[in-house]
PDB file of N, CA and C in Angstrom:
ATOM      1  N   MET A   1     -26.514 -37.916 -14.696  1.00  0.00           N
ATOM      2  CA  MET A   1     -27.113 -37.292 -13.531  1.00  0.00           C
ATOM      3  C   MET A   1     -26.247 -37.532 -12.292  1.00  0.00           C
ATOM      4  N   TYR A   2     -25.706 -38.744 -12.173  1.00  0.00           N
ATOM      5  CA  TYR A   2     -24.868 -39.086 -11.034  1.00  0.00           C
ATOM      6  C   TYR A   2     -23.614 -38.211 -11.011  1.00  0.00           C
ATOM      7  N   LEU A   3     -23.006 -37.994 -12.175  1.00  0.00           N
ATOM      8  CA  LEU A   3     -21.793 -37.193 -12.263  1.00  0.00           C
ATOM      9  C   LEU A   3     -22.060 -35.743 -11.843  1.00  0.00           C
ATOM     10  N   LYS A   4     -23.203 -35.223 -12.256  1.00  0.00           N
ATOM     11  CA  LYS A   4     -23.553 -33.845 -11.914  1.00  0.00           C
ATOM     12  C   LYS A   4     -23.708 -33.683 -10.400  1.00  0.00           C
ATOM     13  N   SER A   5     -24.383 -34.602  -9.760  1.00  0.00           N
ATOM     14  CA  SER A   5     -24.564 -34.507  -8.309  1.00  0.00           C
ATOM     15  C   SER A   5     -23.244 -34.730  -7.578  1.00  0.00           C
ATOM     16  N   LEU A   6     -22.371 -35.550  -8.140  1.00  0.00           N
ATOM     17  CA  LEU A   6     -21.061 -35.770  -7.538  1.00  0.00           C
ATOM     18  C   LEU A   6     -20.221 -34.486  -7.598  1.00  0.00           C
ATOM     19  N   VAL A   7     -20.267 -33.792  -8.724  1.00  0.00           N
ATOM     20  CA  VAL A   7     -19.525 -32.543  -8.877  1.00  0.00           C
ATOM     21  C   VAL A   7     -20.061 -31.484  -7.917  1.00  0.00           C
ATOM     22  N   VAL A   8     -21.363 -31.383  -7.797  1.00  0.00           N
ATOM     23  CA  VAL A   8     -21.968 -30.408  -6.883  1.00  0.00           C
ATOM     24  C   VAL A   8     -21.581 -30.724  -5.440  1.00  0.00           C
ATOM     25  N   ALA A   9     -21.643 -31.977  -5.057  1.00  0.00           N
ATOM     26  CA  ALA A   9     -21.292 -32.372  -3.690  1.00  0.00           C
ATOM     27  C   ALA A   9     -19.821 -32.091  -3.407  1.00  0.00           C
ATOM     28  N   ALA A  10     -18.961 -32.390  -4.365  1.00  0.00           N
ATOM     29  CA  ALA A  10     -17.531 -32.148  -4.174  1.00  0.00           C
ATOM     30  C   ALA A  10     -17.246 -30.657  -4.045  1.00  0.00           C
ATOM     31  N   SER A  11     -17.907 -29.845  -4.862  1.00  0.00           N
ATOM     32  CA  SER A  11     -17.667 -28.404  -4.786  1.00  0.00           C
ATOM     33  C   SER A  11     -18.175 -27.828  -3.468  1.00  0.00           C
ATOM     34  N   LEU A  12     -19.254 -28.377  -2.946  1.00  0.00           N
ATOM     35  CA  LEU A  12     -19.767 -27.905  -1.658  1.00  0.00           C
ATOM     36  C   LEU A  12     -18.815 -28.241  -0.519  1.00  0.00           C
ATOM     37  N   LEU A  13     -18.040 -29.287  -0.669  1.00  0.00           N
ATOM     38  CA  LEU A  13     -17.060 -29.645   0.350  1.00  0.00           C
ATOM     39  C   LEU A  13     -15.751 -28.882   0.180  1.00  0.00           C
ATOM     40  N   ILE A  14     -15.354 -28.633  -1.048  1.00  0.00           N
ATOM     41  CA  ILE A  14     -14.058 -28.011  -1.309  1.00  0.00           C
ATOM     42  C   ILE A  14     -14.067 -26.517  -1.011  1.00  0.00           C
ATOM     43  N   ILE A  15     -15.111 -25.821  -1.374  1.00  0.00           N
ATOM     44  CA  ILE A  15     -15.142 -24.361  -1.215  1.00  0.00           C
ATOM     45  C   ILE A  15     -15.002 -23.940   0.251  1.00  0.00           C
ATOM     46  N   PRO A  16     -15.778 -24.498   1.192  1.00  0.00           N
ATOM     47  CA  PRO A  16     -15.575 -24.081   2.590  1.00  0.00           C
ATOM     48  C   PRO A  16     -14.210 -24.493   3.131  1.00  0.00           C
ATOM     49  N   ALA A  17     -13.711 -25.639   2.699  1.00  0.00           N
ATOM     50  CA  ALA A  17     -12.409 -26.089   3.182  1.00  0.00           C
ATOM     51  C   ALA A  17     -11.300 -25.174   2.688  1.00  0.00           C
ATOM     52  N   SER A  18     -11.398 -24.718   1.451  1.00  0.00           N
ATOM     53  CA  SER A  18     -10.347 -23.851   0.914  1.00  0.00           C
ATOM     54  C   SER A  18     -10.358 -22.486   1.586  1.00  0.00           C
ATOM     55  N   SER A  19     -11.525 -21.992   1.951  1.00  0.00           N
ATOM     56  CA  SER A  19     -11.572 -20.686   2.610  1.00  0.00           C
ATOM     57  C   SER A  19     -11.034 -20.765   4.035  1.00  0.00           C
ATOM     58  N   ALA A  20     -11.050 -21.938   4.632  1.00  0.00           N
ATOM     59  CA  ALA A  20     -10.513 -22.091   5.981  1.00  0.00           C
ATOM     60  C   ALA A  20      -9.002 -21.905   5.989  1.00  0.00           C
ATOM     61  N   PHE A  21      -8.351 -22.213   4.871  1.00  0.00           N
ATOM     62  CA  PHE A  21      -6.904 -22.094   4.799  1.00  0.00           C
ATOM     63  C   PHE A  21      -6.443 -20.735   4.282  1.00  0.00           C
ATOM     64  N   ALA A  22      -7.363 -19.893   3.909  1.00  0.00           N
ATOM     65  CA  ALA A  22      -6.999 -18.584   3.365  1.00  0.00           C
ATOM     66  C   ALA A  22      -6.351 -17.736   4.457  1.00  0.00           C
ATOM     67  N   GLN A  23      -5.366 -16.955   4.053  1.00  0.00           N
ATOM     68  CA  GLN A  23      -4.704 -16.068   4.997  1.00  0.00           C
ATOM     69  C   GLN A  23      -5.637 -14.911   5.326  1.00  0.00           C
ATOM     70  N   ARG A  24      -5.773 -14.624   6.573  1.00  0.00           N
ATOM     71  CA  ARG A  24      -6.568 -13.475   6.987  1.00  0.00           C
ATOM     72  C   ARG A  24      -5.627 -12.436   7.558  1.00  0.00           C
ATOM     73  N   THR A  25      -5.835 -11.214   7.157  1.00  0.00           N
ATOM     74  CA  THR A  25      -5.037 -10.139   7.719  1.00  0.00           C
ATOM     75  C   THR A  25      -5.871  -9.437   8.775  1.00  0.00           C
ATOM     76  N   THR A  26      -5.216  -9.047   9.820  1.00  0.00           N
ATOM     77  CA  THR A  26      -5.920  -8.362  10.891  1.00  0.00           C
ATOM     78  C   THR A  26      -6.067  -6.886  10.541  1.00  0.00           C
ATOM     79  N   TYR A  27      -6.907  -6.219  11.268  1.00  0.00           N
ATOM     80  CA  TYR A  27      -7.121  -4.789  11.066  1.00  0.00           C
ATOM     81  C   TYR A  27      -5.799  -4.046  11.198  1.00  0.00           C
ATOM     82  N   HIS A  28      -5.021  -4.417  12.210  1.00  0.00           N
ATOM     83  CA  HIS A  28      -3.755  -3.727  12.464  1.00  0.00           C
ATOM     84  C   HIS A  28      -2.776  -3.927  11.308  1.00  0.00           C
ATOM     85  N   GLN A  29      -2.749  -5.133  10.727  1.00  0.00           N
ATOM     86  CA  GLN A  29      -1.837  -5.383   9.610  1.00  0.00           C
ATOM     87  C   GLN A  29      -2.217  -4.555   8.391  1.00  0.00           C
ATOM     88  N   ARG A  30      -3.505  -4.396   8.146  1.00  0.00           N
ATOM     89  CA  ARG A  30      -3.950  -3.636   6.973  1.00  0.00           C
ATOM     90  C   ARG A  30      -3.778  -2.138   7.167  1.00  0.00           C
ATOM     91  N   HIS A  31      -3.946  -1.668   8.392  1.00  0.00           N
ATOM     92  CA  HIS A  31      -3.994  -0.236   8.638  1.00  0.00           C
ATOM     93  C   HIS A  31      -2.784   0.294   9.407  1.00  0.00           C
ATOM     94  N   SER A  32      -1.735  -0.481   9.494  1.00  0.00           N
ATOM     95  CA  SER A  32      -0.567   0.004  10.211  1.00  0.00           C
ATOM     96  C   SER A  32       0.157   1.052   9.371  1.00  0.00           C
ATOM     97  N   ILE A  33       0.937   1.849  10.032  1.00  0.00           N
ATOM     98  CA  ILE A  33       1.677   2.907   9.357  1.00  0.00           C
ATOM     99  C   ILE A  33       2.652   2.307   8.357  1.00  0.00           C
ATOM    100  N   ASN A  34       3.336   1.243   8.752  1.00  0.00           N
ATOM    101  CA  ASN A  34       4.311   0.625   7.853  1.00  0.00           C
ATOM    102  C   ASN A  34       3.641  -0.010   6.643  1.00  0.00           C
ATOM    103  N   ALA A  35       2.477  -0.619   6.829  1.00  0.00           N
ATOM    104  CA  ALA A  35       1.760  -1.219   5.698  1.00  0.00           C
ATOM    105  C   ALA A  35       1.338  -0.135   4.716  1.00  0.00           C
ATOM    106  N   ARG A  36       0.921   0.994   5.244  1.00  0.00           N
ATOM    107  CA  ARG A  36       0.509   2.087   4.355  1.00  0.00           C
ATOM    108  C   ARG A  36       1.710   2.642   3.596  1.00  0.00           C
ATOM    109  N   GLN A  37       2.850   2.744   4.267  1.00  0.00           N
ATOM    110  CA  GLN A  37       4.050   3.208   3.577  1.00  0.00           C
ATOM    111  C   GLN A  37       4.438   2.229   2.467  1.00  0.00           C
ATOM    112  N   ASP A  38       4.305   0.938   2.729  1.00  0.00           N
ATOM    113  CA  ASP A  38       4.602  -0.069   1.704  1.00  0.00           C
ATOM    114  C   ASP A  38       3.670   0.082   0.506  1.00  0.00           C
ATOM    115  N   ARG A  39       2.378   0.298   0.779  1.00  0.00           N
ATOM    116  CA  ARG A  39       1.427   0.474  -0.323  1.00  0.00           C
ATOM    117  C   ARG A  39       1.739   1.733  -1.130  1.00  0.00           C
ATOM    118  N   GLN A  40       2.117   2.805  -0.438  1.00  0.00           N
ATOM    119  CA  GLN A  40       2.444   4.037  -1.150  1.00  0.00           C
ATOM    120  C   GLN A  40       3.714   3.865  -1.977  1.00  0.00           C
ATOM    121  N   GLN A  41       4.682   3.128  -1.447  1.00  0.00           N
ATOM    122  CA  GLN A  41       5.905   2.866  -2.202  1.00  0.00           C
ATOM    123  C   GLN A  41       5.587   2.061  -3.460  1.00  0.00           C
ATOM    124  N   ALA A  42       4.661   1.117  -3.342  1.00  0.00           N
ATOM    125  CA  ALA A  42       4.247   0.320  -4.505  1.00  0.00           C
ATOM    126  C   ALA A  42       3.546   1.206  -5.534  1.00  0.00           C
ATOM    127  N   ARG A  43       2.763   2.173  -5.077  1.00  0.00           N
ATOM    128  CA  ARG A  43       2.093   3.100  -6.003  1.00  0.00           C
ATOM    129  C   ARG A  43       3.113   3.937  -6.764  1.00  0.00           C
ATOM    130  N   ILE A  44       4.164   4.367  -6.073  1.00  0.00           N
ATOM    131  CA  ILE A  44       5.217   5.132  -6.740  1.00  0.00           C
ATOM    132  C   ILE A  44       5.889   4.259  -7.801  1.00  0.00           C
ATOM    133  N   ALA A  45       6.221   3.037  -7.426  1.00  0.00           N
ATOM    134  CA  ALA A  45       6.880   2.121  -8.367  1.00  0.00           C
ATOM    135  C   ALA A  45       5.999   1.844  -9.581  1.00  0.00           C
ATOM    136  N   ARG A  46       4.694   1.652  -9.344  1.00  0.00           N
ATOM    137  CA  ARG A  46       3.766   1.424 -10.460  1.00  0.00           C
ATOM    138  C   ARG A  46       3.703   2.635 -11.378  1.00  0.00           C
ATOM    139  N   GLY A  47       3.702   3.820 -10.790  1.00  0.00           N
ATOM    140  CA  GLY A  47       3.668   5.044 -11.584  1.00  0.00           C
ATOM    141  C   GLY A  47       4.906   5.201 -12.451  1.00  0.00           C
ATOM    142  N   VAL A  48       6.060   4.847 -11.897  1.00  0.00           N
ATOM    143  CA  VAL A  48       7.301   4.907 -12.671  1.00  0.00           C
ATOM    144  C   VAL A  48       7.265   3.869 -13.786  1.00  0.00           C
ATOM    145  N   GLN A  49       6.822   2.664 -13.451  1.00  0.00           N
ATOM    146  CA  GLN A  49       6.767   1.582 -14.433  1.00  0.00           C
ATOM    147  C   GLN A  49       5.825   1.931 -15.587  1.00  0.00           C
ATOM    148  N   ASP A  50       4.704   2.547 -15.277  1.00  0.00           N
ATOM    149  CA  ASP A  50       3.732   2.916 -16.308  1.00  0.00           C
ATOM    150  C   ASP A  50       4.112   4.195 -17.045  1.00  0.00           C
ATOM    151  N   GLY A  51       5.135   4.891 -16.550  1.00  0.00           N
ATOM    152  CA  GLY A  51       5.542   6.137 -17.182  1.00  0.00           C
ATOM    153  C   GLY A  51       4.716   7.332 -16.749  1.00  0.00           C
ATOM    154  N   GLN A  52       3.869   7.167 -15.742  1.00  0.00           N
ATOM    155  CA  GLN A  52       3.023   8.261 -15.279  1.00  0.00           C
ATOM    156  C   GLN A  52       3.749   9.197 -14.326  1.00  0.00           C
ATOM    157  N   ILE A  53       4.800   8.713 -13.706  1.00  0.00           N
ATOM    158  CA  ILE A  53       5.608   9.547 -12.820  1.00  0.00           C
ATOM    159  C   ILE A  53       6.989   9.668 -13.450  1.00  0.00           C
ATOM    160  N   THR A  54       7.475  10.887 -13.540  1.00  0.00           N
ATOM    161  CA  THR A  54       8.816  11.103 -14.073  1.00  0.00           C
ATOM    162  C   THR A  54       9.839  10.676 -13.023  1.00  0.00           C
ATOM    163  N   PRO A  55      11.074  10.421 -13.425  1.00  0.00           N
ATOM    164  CA  PRO A  55      12.092  10.053 -12.434  1.00  0.00           C
ATOM    165  C   PRO A  55      12.260  11.109 -11.342  1.00  0.00           C
ATOM    166  N   GLY A  56      12.177  12.385 -11.713  1.00  0.00           N
ATOM    167  CA  GLY A  56      12.280  13.446 -10.709  1.00  0.00           C
ATOM    168  C   GLY A  56      11.114  13.432  -9.740  1.00  0.00           C
ATOM    169  N   GLY A  57       9.916  13.190 -10.270  1.00  0.00           N
ATOM    170  CA  GLY A  57       8.735  13.104  -9.413  1.00  0.00           C
ATOM    171  C   GLY A  57       8.813  11.919  -8.471  1.00  0.00           C
ATOM    172  N   ALA A  58       9.347  10.808  -8.977  1.00  0.00           N
ATOM    173  CA  ALA A  58       9.504   9.618  -8.138  1.00  0.00           C
ATOM    174  C   ALA A  58      10.520   9.881  -7.033  1.00  0.00           C
ATOM    175  N   ALA A  59      11.609  10.561  -7.374  1.00  0.00           N
ATOM    176  CA  ALA A  59      12.624  10.874  -6.368  1.00  0.00           C
ATOM    177  C   ALA A  59      12.037  11.767  -5.281  1.00  0.00           C
ATOM    178  N   HIS A  60      11.211  12.727  -5.676  1.00  0.00           N
ATOM    179  CA  HIS A  60      10.580  13.625  -4.707  1.00  0.00           C
ATOM    180  C   HIS A  60       9.617  12.847  -3.807  1.00  0.00           C
ATOM    181  N   ALA A  61       8.811  11.979  -4.397  1.00  0.00           N
ATOM    182  CA  ALA A  61       7.854  11.190  -3.615  1.00  0.00           C
ATOM    183  C   ALA A  61       8.582  10.244  -2.665  1.00  0.00           C
ATOM    184  N   GLU A  62       9.675   9.640  -3.132  1.00  0.00           N
ATOM    185  CA  GLU A  62      10.432   8.731  -2.273  1.00  0.00           C
ATOM    186  C   GLU A  62      11.134   9.488  -1.149  1.00  0.00           C
ATOM    187  N   ALA A  63      11.564  10.718  -1.425  1.00  0.00           N
ATOM    188  CA  ALA A  63      12.159  11.537  -0.370  1.00  0.00           C
ATOM    189  C   ALA A  63      11.118  11.842   0.703  1.00  0.00           C
ATOM    190  N   ASN A  64       9.881  12.115   0.286  1.00  0.00           N
ATOM    191  CA  ASN A  64       8.804  12.337   1.255  1.00  0.00           C
ATOM    192  C   ASN A  64       8.560  11.088   2.087  1.00  0.00           C
ATOM    193  N   GLN A  65       8.603   9.920   1.448  1.00  0.00           N
ATOM    194  CA  GLN A  65       8.423   8.661   2.172  1.00  0.00           C
ATOM    195  C   GLN A  65       9.546   8.472   3.194  1.00  0.00           C
ATOM    196  N   ALA A  66      10.773   8.804   2.804  1.00  0.00           N
ATOM    197  CA  ALA A  66      11.914   8.660   3.710  1.00  0.00           C
ATOM    198  C   ALA A  66      11.785   9.611   4.900  1.00  0.00           C
ATOM    199  N   LYS A  67      11.334  10.842   4.646  1.00  0.00           N
ATOM    200  CA  LYS A  67      11.123  11.803   5.740  1.00  0.00           C
ATOM    201  C   LYS A  67      10.071  11.284   6.714  1.00  0.00           C
ATOM    202  N   LEU A  68       9.027  10.700   6.160  1.00  0.00           N
ATOM    203  CA  LEU A  68       7.954  10.164   6.990  1.00  0.00           C
ATOM    204  C   LEU A  68       8.468   9.019   7.865  1.00  0.00           C
ATOM    205  N   ALA A  69       9.277   8.138   7.284  1.00  0.00           N
ATOM    206  CA  ALA A  69       9.842   7.017   8.045  1.00  0.00           C
ATOM    207  C   ALA A  69      10.777   7.529   9.133  1.00  0.00           C
ATOM    208  N   SER A  70      11.563   8.542   8.810  1.00  0.00           N
ATOM    209  CA  SER A  70      12.474   9.125   9.790  1.00  0.00           C
ATOM    210  C   SER A  70      11.695   9.772  10.934  1.00  0.00           C
ATOM    211  N   ARG A  71      10.632  10.473  10.582  1.00  0.00           N
ATOM    212  CA  ARG A  71       9.791  11.114  11.609  1.00  0.00           C
ATOM    213  C   ARG A  71       9.149  10.061  12.508  1.00  0.00           C
ATOM    214  N   GLU A  72       8.688   8.961  11.902  1.00  0.00           N
ATOM    215  CA  GLU A  72       8.108   7.878  12.701  1.00  0.00           C
ATOM    216  C   GLU A  72       9.147   7.321  13.671  1.00  0.00           C
ATOM    217  N   ASN A  73      10.365   7.093  13.180  1.00  0.00           N
ATOM    218  CA  ASN A  73      11.420   6.555  14.040  1.00  0.00           C
ATOM    219  C   ASN A  73      11.740   7.495  15.192  1.00  0.00           C
ATOM    220  N   SER A  74      11.781   8.797  14.933  1.00  0.00           N
ATOM    221  CA  SER A  74      12.081   9.741  16.010  1.00  0.00           C
ATOM    222  C   SER A  74      10.937   9.809  17.020  1.00  0.00           C
ATOM    223  N   MET A  75       9.695   9.691  16.538  1.00  0.00           N
ATOM    224  CA  MET A  75       8.549   9.672  17.458  1.00  0.00           C
ATOM    225  C   MET A  75       8.593   8.424  18.340  1.00  0.00           C
ATOM    226  N   ARG A  76       8.929   7.294  17.732  1.00  0.00           N
ATOM    227  CA  ARG A  76       9.033   6.054  18.511  1.00  0.00           C
ATOM    228  C   ARG A  76      10.156   6.159  19.545  1.00  0.00           C
ATOM    229  N   ALA A  77      11.280   6.722  19.144  1.00  0.00           N
ATOM    230  CA  ALA A  77      12.416   6.851  20.056  1.00  0.00           C
ATOM    231  C   ALA A  77      12.063   7.746  21.240  1.00  0.00           C
ATOM    232  N   ALA A  78      11.280   8.772  20.994  1.00  0.00           N
ATOM    233  CA  ALA A  78      10.906   9.700  22.060  1.00  0.00           C
ATOM    234  C   ALA A  78       9.951   9.067  23.066  1.00  0.00           C
ATOM    235  N   ASP A  79       9.212   8.039  22.643  1.00  0.00           N
ATOM    236  CA  ASP A  79       8.215   7.428  23.524  1.00  0.00           C
ATOM    237  C   ASP A  79       8.523   5.970  23.851  1.00  0.00           C
ATOM    238  N   GLY A  80       9.791   5.628  23.904  1.00  0.00           N
ATOM    239  CA  GLY A  80      10.174   4.287  24.323  1.00  0.00           C
ATOM    240  C   GLY A  80       9.795   3.191  23.335  1.00  0.00           C
ATOM    241  N   GLY A  81       9.840   3.477  22.050  1.00  0.00           N
ATOM    242  CA  GLY A  81       9.561   2.455  21.044  1.00  0.00           C
ATOM    243  C   GLY A  81       8.104   2.318  20.651  1.00  0.00           C
ATOM    244  N   ARG A  82       7.251   3.138  21.230  1.00  0.00           N
ATOM    245  CA  ARG A  82       5.819   3.063  20.904  1.00  0.00           C
ATOM    246  C   ARG A  82       5.366   4.396  20.343  1.00  0.00           C
ATOM    247  N   LEU A  83       4.249   4.361  19.648  1.00  0.00           N
ATOM    248  CA  LEU A  83       3.648   5.592  19.141  1.00  0.00           C
ATOM    249  C   LEU A  83       2.427   5.934  19.981  1.00  0.00           C
ATOM    250  N   THR A  84       2.325   7.185  20.368  1.00  0.00           N
ATOM    251  CA  THR A  84       1.133   7.621  21.089  1.00  0.00           C
ATOM    252  C   THR A  84       0.007   7.816  20.080  1.00  0.00           C
ATOM    253  N   ALA A  85      -1.194   7.980  20.573  1.00  0.00           N
ATOM    254  CA  ALA A  85      -2.339   8.223  19.694  1.00  0.00           C
ATOM    255  C   ALA A  85      -2.134   9.517  18.915  1.00  0.00           C
ATOM    256  N   SER A  86      -1.572  10.510  19.569  1.00  0.00           N
ATOM    257  CA  SER A  86      -1.291  11.782  18.906  1.00  0.00           C
ATOM    258  C   SER A  86      -0.269  11.597  17.782  1.00  0.00           C
ATOM    259  N   ASP A  87       0.770  10.800  18.057  1.00  0.00           N
ATOM    260  CA  ASP A  87       1.779  10.521  17.028  1.00  0.00           C
ATOM    261  C   ASP A  87       1.158   9.808  15.833  1.00  0.00           C
ATOM    262  N   ARG A  88       0.313   8.826  16.112  1.00  0.00           N
ATOM    263  CA  ARG A  88      -0.348   8.091  15.020  1.00  0.00           C
ATOM    264  C   ARG A  88      -1.202   9.030  14.169  1.00  0.00           C
ATOM    265  N   HIS A  89      -1.898   9.939  14.840  1.00  0.00           N
ATOM    266  CA  HIS A  89      -2.743  10.898  14.129  1.00  0.00           C
ATOM    267  C   HIS A  89      -1.893  11.807  13.237  1.00  0.00           C
ATOM    268  N   LYS A  90      -0.786  12.315  13.786  1.00  0.00           N
ATOM    269  CA  LYS A  90       0.096  13.187  13.003  1.00  0.00           C
ATOM    270  C   LYS A  90       0.664  12.442  11.796  1.00  0.00           C
ATOM    271  N   LEU A  91       1.095  11.200  12.013  1.00  0.00           N
ATOM    272  CA  LEU A  91       1.652  10.420  10.906  1.00  0.00           C
ATOM    273  C   LEU A  91       0.593  10.106   9.855  1.00  0.00           C
ATOM    274  N   ALA A  92      -0.626   9.841  10.303  1.00  0.00           N
ATOM    275  CA  ALA A  92      -1.707   9.563   9.352  1.00  0.00           C
ATOM    276  C   ALA A  92      -1.984  10.788   8.490  1.00  0.00           C
ATOM    277  N   ARG A  93      -1.960  11.972   9.100  1.00  0.00           N
ATOM    278  CA  ARG A  93      -2.176  13.209   8.328  1.00  0.00           C
ATOM    279  C   ARG A  93      -1.056  13.412   7.311  1.00  0.00           C
ATOM    280  N   GLU A  94       0.175  13.144   7.732  1.00  0.00           N
ATOM    281  CA  GLU A  94       1.302  13.291   6.812  1.00  0.00           C
ATOM    282  C   GLU A  94       1.215  12.264   5.683  1.00  0.00           C
ATOM    283  N   GLN A  95       0.764  11.059   6.009  1.00  0.00           N
ATOM    284  CA  GLN A  95       0.589  10.041   4.972  1.00  0.00           C
ATOM    285  C   GLN A  95      -0.516  10.436   4.001  1.00  0.00           C
ATOM    286  N   ASP A  96      -1.567  11.067   4.511  1.00  0.00           N
ATOM    287  CA  ASP A  96      -2.627  11.567   3.628  1.00  0.00           C
ATOM    288  C   ASP A  96      -2.055  12.582   2.639  1.00  0.00           C
ATOM    289  N   ARG A  97      -1.235  13.481   3.154  1.00  0.00           N
ATOM    290  CA  ARG A  97      -0.622  14.500   2.307  1.00  0.00           C
ATOM    291  C   ARG A  97       0.293  13.858   1.258  1.00  0.00           C
ATOM    292  N   THR A  98       1.082  12.888   1.680  1.00  0.00           N
ATOM    293  CA  THR A  98       1.975  12.186   0.761  1.00  0.00           C
ATOM    294  C   THR A  98       1.177  11.425  -0.285  1.00  0.00           C
ATOM    295  N   SER A  99       0.079  10.812   0.135  1.00  0.00           N
ATOM    296  CA  SER A  99      -0.767  10.062  -0.792  1.00  0.00           C
ATOM    297  C   SER A  99      -1.350  10.983  -1.862  1.00  0.00           C
ATOM    298  N   ARG A 100      -1.784  12.171  -1.448  1.00  0.00           N
ATOM    299  CA  ARG A 100      -2.297  13.137  -2.430  1.00  0.00           C
ATOM    300  C   ARG A 100      -1.213  13.537  -3.419  1.00  0.00           C
ATOM    301  N   GLY A 101       0.013  13.688  -2.923  1.00  0.00           N
ATOM    302  CA  GLY A 101       1.125  14.027  -3.806  1.00  0.00           C
ATOM    303  C   GLY A 101       1.392  12.929  -4.824  1.00  0.00           C
ATOM    304  N   ILE A 102       1.325  11.673  -4.385  1.00  0.00           N
ATOM    305  CA  ILE A 102       1.523  10.545  -5.302  1.00  0.00           C
ATOM    306  C   ILE A 102       0.413  10.539  -6.341  1.00  0.00           C
ATOM    307  N   TYR A 103      -0.811  10.748  -5.904  1.00  0.00           N
ATOM    308  CA  TYR A 103      -1.943  10.783  -6.835  1.00  0.00           C
ATOM    309  C   TYR A 103      -1.740  11.887  -7.871  1.00  0.00           C
ATOM    310  N   ASN A 104      -1.377  13.071  -7.398  1.00  0.00           N
ATOM    311  CA  ASN A 104      -1.193  14.199  -8.312  1.00  0.00           C
ATOM    312  C   ASN A 104      -0.067  13.941  -9.308  1.00  0.00           C
ATOM    313  N   ARG A 105       1.004  13.289  -8.845  1.00  0.00           N
ATOM    314  CA  ARG A 105       2.098  12.968  -9.763  1.00  0.00           C
ATOM    315  C   ARG A 105       1.662  11.934 -10.795  1.00  0.00           C
ATOM    316  N   ASN A 106       0.804  11.004 -10.392  1.00  0.00           N
ATOM    317  CA  ASN A 106       0.324   9.977 -11.320  1.00  0.00           C
ATOM    318  C   ASN A 106      -0.667  10.535 -12.329  1.00  0.00           C
ATOM    319  N   HIS A 107      -1.323  11.628 -11.993  1.00  0.00           N
ATOM    320  CA  HIS A 107      -2.393  12.132 -12.850  1.00  0.00           C
ATOM    321  C   HIS A 107      -2.103  13.507 -13.450  1.00  0.00           C
ATOM    322  N   ASN A 108      -0.841  13.899 -13.461  1.00  0.00           N
ATOM    323  CA  ASN A 108      -0.533  15.169 -14.113  1.00  0.00           C
ATOM    324  C   ASN A 108      -0.157  14.904 -15.567  1.00  0.00           C
ATOM    325  N   ALA A 109       0.122  15.946 -16.303  1.00  0.00           N
ATOM    326  CA  ALA A 109       0.404  15.795 -17.733  1.00  0.00           C
ATOM    327  C   ALA A 109       1.835  15.339 -18.001  1.00  0.00           C
ATOM    328  N   ALA A 110       2.730  15.471 -17.027  1.00  0.00           N
ATOM    329  CA  ALA A 110       4.124  15.086 -17.240  1.00  0.00           C
ATOM    330  C   ALA A 110       4.267  13.572 -17.170  1.00  0.00           C
ATOM    331  N   THR A 111       4.819  13.005 -18.209  1.00  0.00           N
ATOM    332  CA  THR A 111       5.077  11.567 -18.232  1.00  0.00           C
ATOM    333  C   THR A 111       6.520  11.348 -18.619  1.00  0.00           C
ATOM    334  N   ASP A 112       7.021  10.174 -18.324  1.00  0.00           N
ATOM    335  CA  ASP A 112       8.382   9.818 -18.679  1.00  0.00           C
ATOM    336  C   ASP A 112       8.409   9.456 -20.160  1.00  0.00           C
ATOM    337  N   PRO A 113       9.136  10.203 -20.995  1.00  0.00           N
ATOM    338  CA  PRO A 113       9.125   9.931 -22.430  1.00  0.00           C
ATOM    339  C   PRO A 113       9.779   8.606 -22.795  1.00  0.00           C
ATOM    340  N   GLY A 114      10.548   8.032 -21.889  1.00  0.00           N
ATOM    341  CA  GLY A 114      11.221   6.771 -22.191  1.00  0.00           C
ATOM    342  C   GLY A 114      10.340   5.551 -22.017  1.00  0.00           C
ATOM    343  N   VAL A 115       9.141   5.716 -21.481  1.00  0.00           N
ATOM    344  CA  VAL A 115       8.247   4.584 -21.230  1.00  0.00           C
ATOM    345  C   VAL A 115       7.041   4.708 -22.144  1.00  0.00           C
ATOM    346  N   LEU A 116       6.764   3.651 -22.877  1.00  0.00           N
ATOM    347  CA  LEU A 116       5.604   3.651 -23.762  1.00  0.00           C
ATOM    348  C   LEU A 116       4.340   3.411 -22.956  1.00  0.00           C
ATOM    349  N   PRO A 117       3.263   4.140 -23.245  1.00  0.00           N
ATOM    350  CA  PRO A 117       2.005   3.925 -22.513  1.00  0.00           C
ATOM    351  C   PRO A 117       1.421   2.563 -22.834  1.00  0.00           C
ATOM    352  N   ARG A 118       0.691   2.026 -21.879  1.00  0.00           N
ATOM    353  CA  ARG A 118       0.071   0.702 -22.067  1.00  0.00           C
ATOM    354  C   ARG A 118      -1.200   0.813 -22.835  1.00  0.00           C
TER     355      ARG A 118
END
């Protein structure tokens, strides 16, 4: 009985302490344009790894990502290194379009014949 209460007491102390050290991401870190581009790039890589995206489809998706990054850089350059609300909205719409393209490439019938399905 003593051991059981000791384990319960220790777990009650450890769980809150461990959550205090957990990394917290801010809203801006999760929803920034660059973070979204990183997530989309990871989705492309996963699709290639799983064989769901063909090499040509991956090249097309990555070209779209590069265009988006270039457009972001030109928007920032035009506004002194910052993005206006309008610029953010335009980039978000373009990212939505790119995301749909990645989804469609991952869920179409064309697969890379060199990769075995999991």
